[in-house]
Protein backbone atom coordinates (compact mmCIF):
# COMPACT_ATOMS: atom_id res chain seq x y z
CA MET A 1 9.78 8.71 2.65
CA ASN A 2 9.18 8.35 6.37
CA ILE A 3 6.73 5.70 7.49
CA GLU A 4 4.51 8.17 9.37
CA SER A 5 3.79 9.99 6.11
CA LEU A 6 3.05 6.73 4.31
CA VAL A 7 0.70 5.64 7.11
CA THR A 8 -1.12 8.98 6.92
CA MET A 9 -1.48 8.71 3.14
CA ALA A 10 -2.64 5.08 3.31
CA ASN A 11 -5.25 6.00 5.93
CA GLN A 12 -6.50 8.92 3.83
CA ILE A 13 -6.80 6.65 0.78
CA ALA A 14 -8.61 4.11 2.97
CA ASP A 15 -11.09 6.72 4.21
CA PHE A 16 -11.89 7.63 0.61
CA PHE A 17 -12.42 4.06 -0.58
CA VAL A 18 -14.45 3.03 2.48
CA ALA A 19 -16.81 5.91 1.69
CA GLU A 20 -16.87 5.17 -2.05
CA ALA A 21 -16.77 1.37 -2.25
CA GLY A 22 -17.90 0.28 1.21
CA ALA A 23 -15.93 -1.43 3.97
CA ASP A 24 -15.94 -4.87 2.36
CA ALA A 25 -14.60 -3.76 -1.03
CA ALA A 26 -12.28 -1.03 0.26
CA PRO A 27 -9.11 -3.08 0.93
CA GLN A 28 -8.97 -4.36 -2.65
CA GLU A 29 -9.55 -0.84 -4.01
CA ILE A 30 -6.93 0.64 -1.68
CA ALA A 31 -4.38 -1.99 -2.70
CA ALA A 32 -5.09 -1.35 -6.39
CA HIS A 33 -4.65 2.39 -5.91
CA ILE A 34 -1.36 1.98 -4.02
CA THR A 35 -0.06 -0.47 -6.63
CA LYS A 36 -0.95 1.90 -9.45
CA PHE A 37 0.19 5.22 -8.00
CA TRP A 38 2.86 4.66 -5.34
CA ASP A 39 6.56 4.42 -6.09
CA PRO A 40 7.89 0.86 -5.62
CA ARG A 41 10.04 2.03 -2.71
CA MET A 42 6.96 3.39 -0.95
CA ARG A 43 5.10 0.12 -1.51
CA THR A 44 8.04 -1.84 -0.14
CA GLN A 45 8.03 0.30 3.01
CA ILE A 46 4.27 -0.03 3.66
CA ILE A 47 4.41 -3.81 3.05
CA ALA A 48 7.22 -4.13 5.60
CA HIS A 49 5.37 -1.88 8.06
CA ALA A 50 2.22 -4.02 7.76
CA ALA A 51 4.27 -7.19 8.26
CA ALA A 52 5.68 -5.66 11.46
CA GLY A 53 2.17 -5.06 12.82
CA GLY A 54 1.10 -1.95 10.93
CA ALA A 55 1.08 0.52 13.82
CA GLY A 56 -1.12 3.50 13.00
CA LEU A 57 -2.80 1.96 9.95
CA SER A 58 -6.57 1.81 9.98
CA GLN A 59 -8.08 -1.66 9.58
CA PRO A 60 -8.90 -1.16 5.87
CA ALA A 61 -5.43 0.28 5.17
CA LEU A 62 -3.77 -2.59 7.03
CA ALA A 63 -5.85 -5.17 5.15
CA ALA A 64 -4.89 -3.51 1.88
CA ALA A 65 -1.19 -3.38 2.76
CA ARG A 66 -1.28 -7.10 3.53
CA GLN A 67 -2.69 -7.74 0.03
CA LEU A 68 0.12 -5.88 -1.71
CA GLN A 69 2.75 -7.79 -3.63
CA PRO A 70 6.38 -6.69 -3.41
CA PRO A 71 7.44 -4.72 -6.47
CA VAL A 72 9.23 -6.68 -9.15
CA MET A 73 12.72 -5.40 -9.72
CA LYS A 74 13.59 -5.15 -13.40
CA VAL A 75 17.00 -6.46 -14.33
CA ALA A 76 18.66 -4.75 -17.25
CA SER A 77 20.00 -7.14 -19.81
CA ALA A 78 23.58 -6.71 -20.88
CA ALA A 79 24.17 -5.51 -24.41
CA VAL A 80 26.13 -7.98 -26.47
């Protein structure tokens, strides 16, 4: 997915959680939402974008993206 779309979605999620949870609690709620609902590839992209400065992300969305942990890649075990 292109980064502009991810930034738009992250900002929309941020707007919702700022209104619902307040500015102080919003980044944690945004990060939890992204972790729960976004594909690992999308999370990887937004984490990298935030690390590169986060152009276009609102302050709450940027704070949330900086809290995200990279997705854990599952390694399939070989059948014996």
